[in-house]
Amino acid sequence: MIHVRLPTVEFDSLTKTDTMVHLFLHQRGTLASATVIMPTVRRFIGRIIEDNRTENHPRGGSASIMRMATHWLDFGAVPVLINPGNSTTTPVTQAAILLEKLEPRADDFLYSIKGKRGRAEASSTPERLRIEDVPEDLIAFFTPRSIEGEQLIFAPREHVRETGRVSVYTGTPIPERFLLNIDRTVRNRGALAPVAHERQIRRRVELNVIREKANHALSPYFFKSLFRVRTGDEDIE
């Protein structure tokens, strides 16, 4: 049972009783230097069984002792599990999390702080591209990568490729597999991307992980996810 001792009111809406919780446990000293969910990370599933506003809360309250807690979660630069009674911080909001199950893997899912609909784009293979003449007054309406001299490059549609977007706070630990997907759209913005994709036997989803600045220092470690992506899905790359 984890006694969460929050020094801010920013997360009051997340500490409601019976809320489901995923707790990622990193080896001590690793979270500040490498915000990646490695094989050594453990993930527990549980639920909030008590929420409490202390006497230090701006809207008033009375602190619960939560004496059955086996650990305290203390919030400094990063959240740290400590033995009960060893904290020097003053909480304004508290919660008790009862951990019920240890999951086999910690990197099964990538959690998003926003709900983003995917999009589909038609694509073709390079050998099927063709170049055709068009009226000069129409050239200005096409992107530079579609123009070759006074001609346009056409890519006949062959299959559909889906693109998904996941938003995370900057600093949020994510599965190691998706490090290459971080801010892919930002890196490619304005670049002369190839017209065609390599043809796939079946449709695949290209995932873009977008990092967003957090309003609070604890947000990368303590947030509510709107949806999650299964990392072991072979159709996601």
Protein backbone atom coordinates (compact mmCIF):
# COMPACT_ATOMS: atom_id res chain seq x y z
CA MET A 1 0.00 0.00 0.00
CA ILE A 2 1.53 3.28 -1.18
CA HIS A 3 0.89 6.55 0.67
CA VAL A 4 1.09 9.30 -2.00
CA ARG A 5 2.06 12.67 -0.52
CA LEU A 6 1.50 15.41 -3.11
CA PRO A 7 2.87 18.89 -2.38
CA THR A 8 0.47 20.51 -4.88
CA VAL A 9 -3.26 20.72 -5.62
CA GLU A 10 -2.63 20.31 -9.35
CA PHE A 11 -3.57 16.61 -9.33
CA ASP A 12 -6.60 16.64 -7.03
CA SER A 13 -8.80 15.41 -9.89
CA LEU A 14 -6.60 12.31 -10.33
CA THR A 15 -6.70 11.06 -6.76
CA LYS A 16 -10.34 10.05 -6.57
CA THR A 17 -11.13 6.81 -4.73
CA ASP A 18 -11.44 3.71 -6.96
CA THR A 19 -9.37 5.28 -9.76
CA MET A 20 -7.27 2.63 -11.53
CA VAL A 21 -3.50 3.11 -11.21
CA HIS A 22 -0.46 1.88 -13.10
CA LEU A 23 2.68 2.31 -11.00
CA PHE A 24 6.05 2.06 -12.77
CA LEU A 25 8.92 1.27 -10.45
CA HIS A 26 12.41 2.19 -11.67
CA GLN A 27 15.67 1.26 -9.99
CA ARG A 28 16.79 4.00 -7.64
CA GLY A 29 18.90 6.66 -9.33
CA THR A 30 17.97 5.74 -12.92
CA LEU A 31 14.81 7.78 -13.48
CA ALA A 32 16.51 11.18 -13.40
CA SER A 33 19.21 10.18 -15.91
CA ALA A 34 17.31 7.95 -18.38
CA THR A 35 13.58 8.53 -18.85
CA VAL A 36 13.09 5.21 -20.61
CA ILE A 37 11.06 2.17 -19.58
CA MET A 38 13.80 -0.47 -19.61
CA PRO A 39 13.48 -4.24 -19.02
CA THR A 40 14.47 -3.67 -15.37
CA VAL A 41 11.41 -1.46 -14.74
CA ARG A 42 8.43 -3.09 -13.02
CA ARG A 43 4.77 -2.17 -13.51
CA PHE A 44 2.10 -2.71 -10.89
CA ILE A 45 -1.67 -2.35 -11.32
CA GLY A 46 -3.78 -1.13 -8.43
CA ARG A 47 -6.42 1.34 -7.39
CA ILE A 48 -6.82 4.34 -5.11
CA ILE A 49 -8.59 3.27 -1.94
CA GLU A 50 -8.47 6.62 -0.10
CA ASP A 51 -8.03 10.27 -1.03
CA ASN A 52 -7.46 13.03 1.46
CA ARG A 53 -7.04 16.82 1.61
CA THR A 54 -4.82 17.88 4.48
CA GLU A 55 -5.09 20.95 6.72
CA ASN A 56 -2.55 22.61 4.36
CA HIS A 57 -4.95 22.40 1.41
CA PRO A 58 -6.14 25.88 0.28
CA ARG A 59 -9.77 24.72 0.61
CA GLY A 60 -9.12 23.21 4.02
CA GLY A 61 -9.08 19.65 5.29
CA SER A 62 -7.68 17.25 7.87
CA ALA A 63 -4.77 14.94 7.26
CA SER A 64 -5.23 11.16 7.27
CA ILE A 65 -2.45 9.10 8.90
CA MET A 66 -2.85 6.17 6.49
CA ARG A 67 -1.03 4.00 9.00
CA MET A 68 -1.43 0.79 6.97
CA ALA A 69 0.85 2.09 4.20
CA THR A 70 3.97 -0.01 3.57
CA HIS A 71 5.70 2.75 1.58
CA TRP A 72 5.43 6.49 1.09
CA LEU A 73 5.74 8.16 -2.30
CA ASP A 74 7.74 11.33 -1.79
CA PHE A 75 7.91 14.03 -4.48
CA GLY A 76 11.20 15.81 -4.96
CA ALA A 77 12.88 16.31 -8.34
CA VAL A 78 11.47 12.87 -9.20
CA PRO A 79 9.03 10.70 -7.21
CA VAL A 80 10.82 8.34 -4.80
CA LEU A 81 9.50 5.45 -2.71
CA ILE A 82 10.66 5.75 0.91
CA ASN A 83 9.98 4.07 4.22
CA PRO A 84 7.00 5.48 6.17
CA GLY A 85 7.81 8.42 8.41
CA ASN A 86 11.00 9.50 6.58
CA SER A 87 9.59 12.39 4.53
CA THR A 88 10.44 16.03 5.24
CA THR A 89 7.88 17.44 2.80
CA THR A 90 4.46 18.78 3.72
CA PRO A 91 1.63 17.30 1.61
CA VAL A 92 -1.50 19.23 0.71
CA THR A 93 -3.16 16.26 -1.02
CA GLN A 94 -2.81 12.58 -0.14
CA ALA A 95 -3.92 9.25 -1.56
CA ALA A 96 -3.53 5.58 -0.69
CA ILE A 97 -2.85 3.18 -3.58
CA LEU A 98 -3.41 -0.52 -3.07
CA LEU A 99 -1.23 -2.45 -5.51
CA GLU A 100 -2.96 -5.64 -6.59
CA LYS A 101 -0.91 -7.18 -9.40
CA LEU A 102 2.64 -7.19 -10.81
CA GLU A 103 2.54 -7.24 -14.61
CA PRO A 104 4.98 -9.50 -16.53
CA ARG A 105 6.33 -6.53 -18.54
CA ALA A 106 6.48 -2.81 -17.91
CA ASP A 107 6.78 -1.79 -21.57
CA ASP A 108 3.57 -3.41 -22.87
CA PHE A 109 1.90 -0.08 -23.50
CA LEU A 110 2.61 3.52 -24.43
CA TYR A 111 0.24 5.90 -22.63
CA SER A 112 -1.00 9.14 -24.21
CA ILE A 113 -2.06 12.28 -22.35
CA LYS A 114 -4.34 13.27 -25.25
CA GLY A 115 -6.74 11.52 -27.55
CA LYS A 116 -5.50 11.80 -31.13
CA ARG A 117 -7.27 10.32 -34.11
CA GLY A 118 -5.08 8.63 -36.67
CA ARG A 119 -5.06 9.53 -40.32
CA ALA A 120 -4.66 7.47 -43.46
CA GLU A 121 -2.60 8.38 -46.51
CA ALA A 122 -2.42 6.73 -49.90
CA SER A 123 1.09 5.82 -51.02
CA SER A 124 2.88 4.02 -53.82
CA THR A 125 6.18 2.36 -54.66
CA PRO A 126 9.04 4.39 -56.26
CA GLU A 127 9.12 2.37 -59.47
CA ARG A 128 5.51 3.30 -60.22
CA LEU A 129 6.06 7.08 -60.12
CA ARG A 130 5.41 9.00 -63.34
CA ILE A 131 6.13 12.52 -64.57
CA GLU A 132 3.69 14.49 -66.70
CA ASP A 133 3.47 17.98 -68.18
CA VAL A 134 0.96 20.43 -66.69
CA PRO A 135 -0.05 24.01 -67.55
CA GLU A 136 2.50 26.48 -66.21
CA ASP A 137 -0.09 28.45 -64.23
CA LEU A 138 -0.87 25.36 -62.12
CA ILE A 139 2.73 24.74 -60.97
CA ALA A 140 2.42 27.24 -58.11
CA PHE A 141 -0.31 25.15 -56.45
CA PHE A 142 1.93 22.13 -55.84
CA THR A 143 4.64 21.50 -53.26
CA PRO A 144 8.31 21.70 -54.35
CA ARG A 145 8.82 17.96 -53.88
CA SER A 146 6.09 17.30 -56.46
CA ILE A 147 7.70 19.47 -59.14
CA GLU A 148 10.51 18.57 -61.50
CA GLY A 149 11.22 21.50 -63.81
CA GLU A 150 7.90 22.30 -65.44
CA GLN A 151 6.51 18.84 -64.84
CA LEU A 152 4.70 17.19 -61.95
CA ILE A 153 5.58 13.93 -60.24
CA PHE A 154 2.59 11.65 -59.76
CA ALA A 155 2.38 8.71 -57.35
CA PRO A 156 -0.45 6.34 -58.30
CA ARG A 157 -2.26 5.08 -55.21
CA GLU A 158 -1.53 1.47 -54.38
CA HIS A 159 -2.22 1.03 -50.70
CA VAL A 160 -3.13 2.98 -47.58
CA ARG A 161 -0.73 3.68 -44.76
CA GLU A 162 -2.09 4.87 -41.43
CA THR A 163 -0.37 7.39 -39.17
CA GLY A 164 -1.13 7.60 -35.45
CA ARG A 165 -0.11 10.27 -32.96
CA VAL A 166 0.59 9.88 -29.25
CA SER A 167 1.24 12.86 -26.97
CA VAL A 168 3.48 12.58 -23.90
CA TYR A 169 4.90 15.16 -21.53
CA THR A 170 8.57 15.98 -22.06
CA GLY A 171 10.45 13.79 -19.59
CA THR A 172 7.81 11.07 -19.33
CA PRO A 173 9.47 7.62 -19.43
CA ILE A 174 8.36 5.73 -22.54
CA PRO A 175 9.12 2.20 -23.80
CA GLU A 176 12.58 2.00 -25.33
CA ARG A 177 11.12 0.72 -28.59
CA PHE A 178 9.52 4.09 -29.32
CA LEU A 179 12.56 6.33 -28.86
CA LEU A 180 12.95 6.49 -32.65
CA ASN A 181 9.33 7.63 -32.99
CA ILE A 182 9.71 10.73 -30.80
CA ASP A 183 8.85 13.97 -32.62
CA ARG A 184 9.20 12.28 -35.99
CA THR A 185 6.78 14.75 -37.57
CA VAL A 186 8.64 17.73 -36.09
CA ARG A 187 11.98 16.52 -37.45
CA ASN A 188 10.53 16.01 -40.93
CA ARG A 189 8.53 19.22 -41.06
CA GLY A 190 9.74 21.29 -44.00
CA ALA A 191 12.06 18.55 -45.23
CA LEU A 192 11.83 17.10 -48.73
CA ALA A 193 10.27 13.83 -47.71
CA PRO A 194 10.14 11.08 -50.35
CA VAL A 195 6.99 10.95 -52.42
CA ALA A 196 6.61 7.20 -52.07
CA HIS A 197 6.75 4.65 -49.27
CA GLU A 198 8.09 1.16 -49.53
CA ARG A 199 5.14 -1.05 -50.33
CA GLN A 200 3.84 -3.15 -47.48
CA ILE A 201 2.13 -6.52 -47.82
CA ARG A 202 -0.50 -5.27 -45.38
CA ARG A 203 -1.43 -1.96 -43.86
CA ARG A 204 0.79 -0.75 -41.06
CA VAL A 205 0.48 2.16 -38.64
CA GLU A 206 3.37 4.60 -38.39
CA LEU A 207 3.37 6.03 -34.87
CA ASN A 208 4.54 9.57 -34.08
CA VAL A 209 5.29 10.36 -30.43
CA ILE A 210 4.90 14.08 -29.75
CA ARG A 211 6.48 15.57 -26.64
CA GLU A 212 4.63 18.46 -25.03
CA LYS A 213 5.80 20.86 -22.34
CA ALA A 214 4.22 20.17 -18.96
CA ASN A 215 2.67 22.92 -16.87
CA HIS A 216 3.87 21.29 -13.65
CA ALA A 217 7.17 19.64 -12.80
CA LEU A 218 5.43 16.45 -11.61
CA SER A 219 3.30 16.03 -14.73
CA PRO A 220 5.74 13.71 -16.55
CA TYR A 221 5.45 11.23 -13.65
CA PHE A 222 1.86 11.66 -12.51
CA PHE A 223 -0.88 12.00 -15.12
CA LYS A 224 -4.11 10.56 -16.46
CA SER A 225 -3.89 8.71 -19.78
CA LEU A 226 -6.68 9.07 -22.33
CA PHE A 227 -5.67 5.99 -24.31
CA ARG A 228 -2.79 3.58 -24.76
CA VAL A 229 -0.99 1.86 -27.62
CA ARG A 230 -0.02 -1.78 -27.35
CA THR A 231 3.73 -1.82 -27.98
CA GLY A 232 3.88 -5.45 -29.06
CA ASP A 233 1.51 -4.95 -31.99
CA GLU A 234 3.37 -5.93 -35.17
CA ASP A 235 1.24 -3.53 -37.23
CA ILE A 236 2.68 -0.50 -35.36
CA GLU A 237 6.06 0.87 -36.30
